């Protein structure tokens, strides 16, 4: 049970017991003249390995490393293999380069003809913008003024 869960009465009782223990320890020191060792909860014994066990493991590890190092120091015997021909011939490379150049020339020619075709197409002229005559503007303005005047003349309810 933690101290946070205790009631006030239980906390007072625990404080009183602690005071009594302190007073008894003082009396003990006065009688014996030595300080009593504080009471601690016993810790579980550590589980470990014996010295002999550690020595066996260390010896086995040293033997493994010795084996690895011995294998590295021995010269490796290589068997003679016929030399492999690596890479490609000069003719093969030349054929590939020529084919690639032909592909790029074809692509560039297609792009050039597309540009020429786009320039050749003339965009149609935009439609003429609608322009209102001055008489029509005056007529619309007069109608709007008449509507506003009629709206202002009506009293609000």
C-alpha atoms as a PDB file:
ATOM      1  CA  UNK A   1       0.000   0.000   0.000  1.00  0.00           C
ATOM      2  CA  UNK A   2       1.456   3.417  -0.883  1.00  0.00           C
ATOM      3  CA  UNK A   3       1.469   6.491   1.350  1.00  0.00           C
ATOM      4  CA  UNK A   4      -0.844   8.271  -1.090  1.00  0.00           C
ATOM      5  CA  UNK A   5      -3.680   5.832  -0.367  1.00  0.00           C
ATOM      6  CA  UNK A   6      -3.528   6.129   3.441  1.00  0.00           C
ATOM      7  CA  UNK A   7      -6.084   8.069   5.465  1.00  0.00           C
ATOM      8  CA  UNK A   8      -5.106  10.924   7.789  1.00  0.00           C
ATOM      9  CA  UNK A   9      -5.587   8.702  10.864  1.00  0.00           C
ATOM     10  CA  UNK A  10      -3.322   5.989   9.390  1.00  0.00           C
ATOM     11  CA  UNK A  11      -0.662   8.586   8.541  1.00  0.00           C
ATOM     12  CA  UNK A  12      -0.719   9.937  12.132  1.00  0.00           C
ATOM     13  CA  UNK A  13      -0.351   6.379  13.510  1.00  0.00           C
ATOM     14  CA  UNK A  14       2.617   5.708  11.165  1.00  0.00           C
ATOM     15  CA  UNK A  15       4.290   8.974  12.239  1.00  0.00           C
ATOM     16  CA  UNK A  16       3.837   8.043  15.933  1.00  0.00           C
ATOM     17  CA  UNK A  17       5.395   4.593  15.341  1.00  0.00           C
ATOM     18  CA  UNK A  18       8.337   6.199  13.560  1.00  0.00           C
ATOM     19  CA  UNK A  19       8.873   8.557  16.511  1.00  0.00           C
ATOM     20  CA  UNK A  20       8.768   5.581  18.924  1.00  0.00           C
ATOM     21  CA  UNK A  21      11.356   3.715  16.829  1.00  0.00           C
ATOM     22  CA  UNK A  22      13.636   6.761  16.836  1.00  0.00           C
ATOM     23  CA  UNK A  23      13.315   7.095  20.637  1.00  0.00           C
ATOM     24  CA  UNK A  24      14.111   3.376  21.127  1.00  0.00           C
ATOM     25  CA  UNK A  25      17.173   3.660  18.865  1.00  0.00           C
ATOM     26  CA  UNK A  26      18.438   6.595  20.965  1.00  0.00           C
ATOM     27  CA  UNK A  27      18.044   4.504  24.137  1.00  0.00           C
ATOM     28  CA  UNK A  28      19.922   1.631  22.478  1.00  0.00           C
ATOM     29  CA  UNK A  29      22.793   3.941  21.511  1.00  0.00           C
ATOM     30  CA  UNK A  30      22.906   5.286  25.060  1.00  0.00           C
ATOM     31  CA  UNK A  31      23.160   1.755  26.473  1.00  0.00           C
ATOM     32  CA  UNK A  32      25.557   0.163  23.951  1.00  0.00           C
ATOM     33  CA  UNK A  33      27.428   3.236  22.810  1.00  0.00           C
ATOM     34  CA  UNK A  34      27.245   2.206  19.122  1.00  0.00           C
ATOM     35  CA  UNK A  35      24.869   3.195  16.395  1.00  0.00           C
ATOM     36  CA  UNK A  36      22.470   0.455  15.324  1.00  0.00           C
ATOM     37  CA  UNK A  37      22.531  -0.407  11.633  1.00  0.00           C
ATOM     38  CA  UNK A  38      19.418   0.756   9.828  1.00  0.00           C
ATOM     39  CA  UNK A  39      17.022  -2.012   8.951  1.00  0.00           C
ATOM     40  CA  UNK A  40      16.926  -2.596   5.219  1.00  0.00           C
ATOM     41  CA  UNK A  41      14.995  -5.005   3.137  1.00  0.00           C
ATOM     42  CA  UNK A  42      17.123  -7.961   2.154  1.00  0.00           C
ATOM     43  CA  UNK A  43      18.115  -7.861  -1.496  1.00  0.00           C
ATOM     44  CA  UNK A  44      17.895 -11.077  -3.452  1.00  0.00           C
ATOM     45  CA  UNK A  45      21.261 -12.695  -4.036  1.00  0.00           C
ATOM     46  CA  UNK A  46      22.762 -11.974  -7.417  1.00  0.00           C
ATOM     47  CA  UNK A  47      22.893 -14.900  -9.720  1.00  0.00           C
ATOM     48  CA  UNK A  48      26.229 -15.083 -11.344  1.00  0.00           C
ATOM     49  CA  UNK A  49      28.749 -17.305 -12.938  1.00  0.00           C
ATOM     50  CA  UNK A  50      31.606 -19.000 -11.197  1.00  0.00           C
ATOM     51  CA  UNK A  51      35.186 -18.050 -11.982  1.00  0.00           C
ATOM     52  CA  UNK A  52      35.722 -21.500 -13.484  1.00  0.00           C
ATOM     53  CA  UNK A  53      32.757 -21.006 -15.823  1.00  0.00           C
ATOM     54  CA  UNK A  54      34.065 -17.614 -16.974  1.00  0.00           C
ATOM     55  CA  UNK A  55      37.523 -19.141 -17.541  1.00  0.00           C
ATOM     56  CA  UNK A  56      36.063 -21.906 -19.738  1.00  0.00           C
ATOM     57  CA  UNK A  57      34.140 -19.390 -21.845  1.00  0.00           C
ATOM     58  CA  UNK A  58      37.216 -17.152 -22.227  1.00  0.00           C
ATOM     59  CA  UNK A  59      39.376 -20.134 -23.281  1.00  0.00           C
ATOM     60  CA  UNK A  60      36.811 -21.242 -25.872  1.00  0.00           C
ATOM     61  CA  UNK A  61      36.597 -17.703 -27.299  1.00  0.00           C
ATOM     62  CA  UNK A  62      40.393 -17.433 -27.533  1.00  0.00           C
ATOM     63  CA  UNK A  63      40.491 -20.760 -29.369  1.00  0.00           C
ATOM     64  CA  UNK A  64      37.849 -19.533 -31.872  1.00  0.00           C
ATOM     65  CA  UNK A  65      39.791 -16.319 -32.555  1.00  0.00           C
ATOM     66  CA  UNK A  66      43.043 -18.258 -32.940  1.00  0.00           C
ATOM     67  CA  UNK A  67      41.360 -20.437 -35.568  1.00  0.00           C
ATOM     68  CA  UNK A  68      40.087 -17.371 -37.464  1.00  0.00           C
ATOM     69  CA  UNK A  69      43.486 -15.643 -37.396  1.00  0.00           C
ATOM     70  CA  UNK A  70      45.285 -18.820 -38.505  1.00  0.00           C
ATOM     71  CA  UNK A  71      42.966 -19.112 -41.505  1.00  0.00           C
ATOM     72  CA  UNK A  72      43.776 -15.521 -42.523  1.00  0.00           C
ATOM     73  CA  UNK A  73      47.541 -16.008 -42.423  1.00  0.00           C
ATOM     74  CA  UNK A  74      47.536 -19.030 -44.763  1.00  0.00           C
ATOM     75  CA  UNK A  75      48.000 -18.040 -48.405  1.00  0.00           C
ATOM     76  CA  UNK A  76      44.983 -18.987 -50.447  1.00  0.00           C
ATOM     77  CA  UNK A  77      45.722 -21.331 -53.323  1.00  0.00           C
ATOM     78  CA  UNK A  78      44.077 -20.133 -56.507  1.00  0.00           C
ATOM     79  CA  UNK A  79      43.374 -22.423 -59.405  1.00  0.00           C
ATOM     80  CA  UNK A  80      44.224 -21.118 -62.829  1.00  0.00           C
ATOM     81  CA  UNK A  81      41.096 -20.365 -64.815  1.00  0.00           C
ATOM     82  CA  UNK A  82      40.956 -19.354 -68.425  1.00  0.00           C
ATOM     83  CA  UNK A  83      40.660 -15.590 -68.772  1.00  0.00           C
ATOM     84  CA  UNK A  84      37.157 -14.444 -69.486  1.00  0.00           C
ATOM     85  CA  UNK A  85      36.567 -11.916 -72.181  1.00  0.00           C
ATOM     86  CA  UNK A  86      34.869  -8.983 -70.534  1.00  0.00           C
ATOM     87  CA  UNK A  87      33.143  -6.101 -72.178  1.00  0.00           C
ATOM     88  CA  UNK A  88      32.141  -5.775 -75.809  1.00  0.00           C
ATOM     89  CA  UNK A  89      33.996  -5.442 -79.035  1.00  0.00           C
ATOM     90  CA  UNK A  90      34.662  -2.083 -80.640  1.00  0.00           C
ATOM     91  CA  UNK A  91      32.365  -2.977 -83.553  1.00  0.00           C
ATOM     92  CA  UNK A  92      29.497  -3.845 -81.207  1.00  0.00           C
ATOM     93  CA  UNK A  93      29.894  -0.595 -79.351  1.00  0.00           C
ATOM     94  CA  UNK A  94      30.028   1.378 -82.620  1.00  0.00           C
ATOM     95  CA  UNK A  95      26.771  -0.267 -83.801  1.00  0.00           C
ATOM     96  CA  UNK A  96      25.016   0.668 -80.533  1.00  0.00           C
ATOM     97  CA  UNK A  97      26.279   4.278 -80.729  1.00  0.00           C
ATOM     98  CA  UNK A  98      25.145   4.599 -84.342  1.00  0.00           C
ATOM     99  CA  UNK A  99      21.680   3.225 -83.537  1.00  0.00           C
ATOM    100  CA  UNK A 100      21.315   5.615 -80.601  1.00  0.00           C
ATOM    101  CA  UNK A 101      22.355   8.606 -82.736  1.00  0.00           C
ATOM    102  CA  UNK A 102      19.783   7.609 -85.355  1.00  0.00           C
ATOM    103  CA  UNK A 103      17.050   7.399 -82.686  1.00  0.00           C
ATOM    104  CA  UNK A 104      17.912  10.853 -81.320  1.00  0.00           C
ATOM    105  CA  UNK A 105      18.038  12.349 -84.828  1.00  0.00           C
ATOM    106  CA  UNK A 106      14.549  10.951 -85.473  1.00  0.00           C
ATOM    107  CA  UNK A 107      13.217  12.444 -82.205  1.00  0.00           C
ATOM    108  CA  UNK A 108      14.794  15.859 -82.892  1.00  0.00           C
ATOM    109  CA  UNK A 109      13.397  15.911 -86.449  1.00  0.00           C
ATOM    110  CA  UNK A 110       9.901  15.130 -85.101  1.00  0.00           C
ATOM    111  CA  UNK A 111      10.176  17.980 -82.590  1.00  0.00           C
ATOM    112  CA  UNK A 112      11.368  20.405 -85.282  1.00  0.00           C
ATOM    113  CA  UNK A 113       8.482  19.579 -87.618  1.00  0.00           C
ATOM    114  CA  UNK A 114       6.035  19.937 -84.711  1.00  0.00           C
ATOM    115  CA  UNK A 115       7.410  23.442 -83.979  1.00  0.00           C
ATOM    116  CA  UNK A 116       7.082  24.459 -87.632  1.00  0.00           C
ATOM    117  CA  UNK A 117       3.525  23.104 -87.758  1.00  0.00           C
ATOM    118  CA  UNK A 118       2.551  25.059 -84.648  1.00  0.00           C
ATOM    119  CA  UNK A 119       3.944  28.306 -86.105  1.00  0.00           C
ATOM    120  CA  UNK A 120       2.148  27.673 -89.379  1.00  0.00           C
ATOM    121  CA  UNK A 121      -1.253  27.461 -87.709  1.00  0.00           C
ATOM    122  CA  UNK A 122      -2.515  30.998 -87.324  1.00  0.00           C
ATOM    123  CA  UNK A 123      -4.652  31.613 -84.298  1.00  0.00           C
ATOM    124  CA  UNK A 124      -8.071  33.086 -85.150  1.00  0.00           C
ATOM    125  CA  UNK A 125      -8.597  36.717 -84.248  1.00  0.00           C
ATOM    126  CA  UNK A 126     -10.616  37.285 -81.110  1.00  0.00           C
ATOM    127  CA  UNK A 127     -14.265  38.276 -81.619  1.00  0.00           C
ATOM    128  CA  UNK A 128     -14.996  41.990 -81.616  1.00  0.00           C
ATOM    129  CA  UNK A 129     -15.923  43.333 -78.190  1.00  0.00           C
ATOM    130  CA  UNK A 130     -19.496  44.552 -77.772  1.00  0.00           C
ATOM    131  CA  UNK A 131     -19.647  48.340 -77.487  1.00  0.00           C
ATOM    132  CA  UNK A 132     -22.775  50.135 -76.307  1.00  0.00           C
ATOM    133  CA  UNK A 133     -23.806  53.404 -77.924  1.00  0.00           C
ATOM    134  CA  UNK A 134     -23.998  56.600 -75.864  1.00  0.00           C
ATOM    135  CA  UNK A 135     -27.780  56.841 -76.418  1.00  0.00           C
ATOM    136  CA  UNK A 136     -28.299  53.312 -75.014  1.00  0.00           C
ATOM    137  CA  UNK A 137     -26.168  54.150 -71.957  1.00  0.00           C
ATOM    138  CA  UNK A 138     -28.201  57.319 -71.335  1.00  0.00           C
ATOM    139  CA  UNK A 139     -31.474  55.398 -71.633  1.00  0.00           C
ATOM    140  CA  UNK A 140     -30.366  52.730 -69.101  1.00  0.00           C
ATOM    141  CA  UNK A 141     -29.068  55.391 -66.708  1.00  0.00           C
ATOM    142  CA  UNK A 142     -32.384  57.281 -66.840  1.00  0.00           C
ATOM    143  CA  UNK A 143     -34.353  54.063 -66.123  1.00  0.00           C
ATOM    144  CA  UNK A 144     -32.123  53.275 -63.095  1.00  0.00           C
ATOM    145  CA  UNK A 145     -32.545  56.791 -61.707  1.00  0.00           C
ATOM    146  CA  UNK A 146     -36.340  56.515 -62.071  1.00  0.00           C
ATOM    147  CA  UNK A 147     -36.353  53.197 -60.156  1.00  0.00           C
ATOM    148  CA  UNK A 148     -34.292  54.653 -57.294  1.00  0.00           C
ATOM    149  CA  UNK A 149     -36.472  57.738 -57.112  1.00  0.00           C
ATOM    150  CA  UNK A 150     -39.622  55.575 -56.928  1.00  0.00           C
ATOM    151  CA  UNK A 151     -38.069  53.402 -54.211  1.00  0.00           C
ATOM    152  CA  UNK A 152     -37.058  56.409 -52.096  1.00  0.00           C
ATOM    153  CA  UNK A 153     -40.517  57.993 -52.461  1.00  0.00           C
ATOM    154  CA  UNK A 154     -42.254  54.999 -50.787  1.00  0.00           C
ATOM    155  CA  UNK A 155     -42.215  55.524 -46.976  1.00  0.00           C
ATOM    156  CA  UNK A 156     -40.961  52.627 -44.902  1.00  0.00           C
ATOM    157  CA  UNK A 157     -43.522  50.832 -42.804  1.00  0.00           C
END
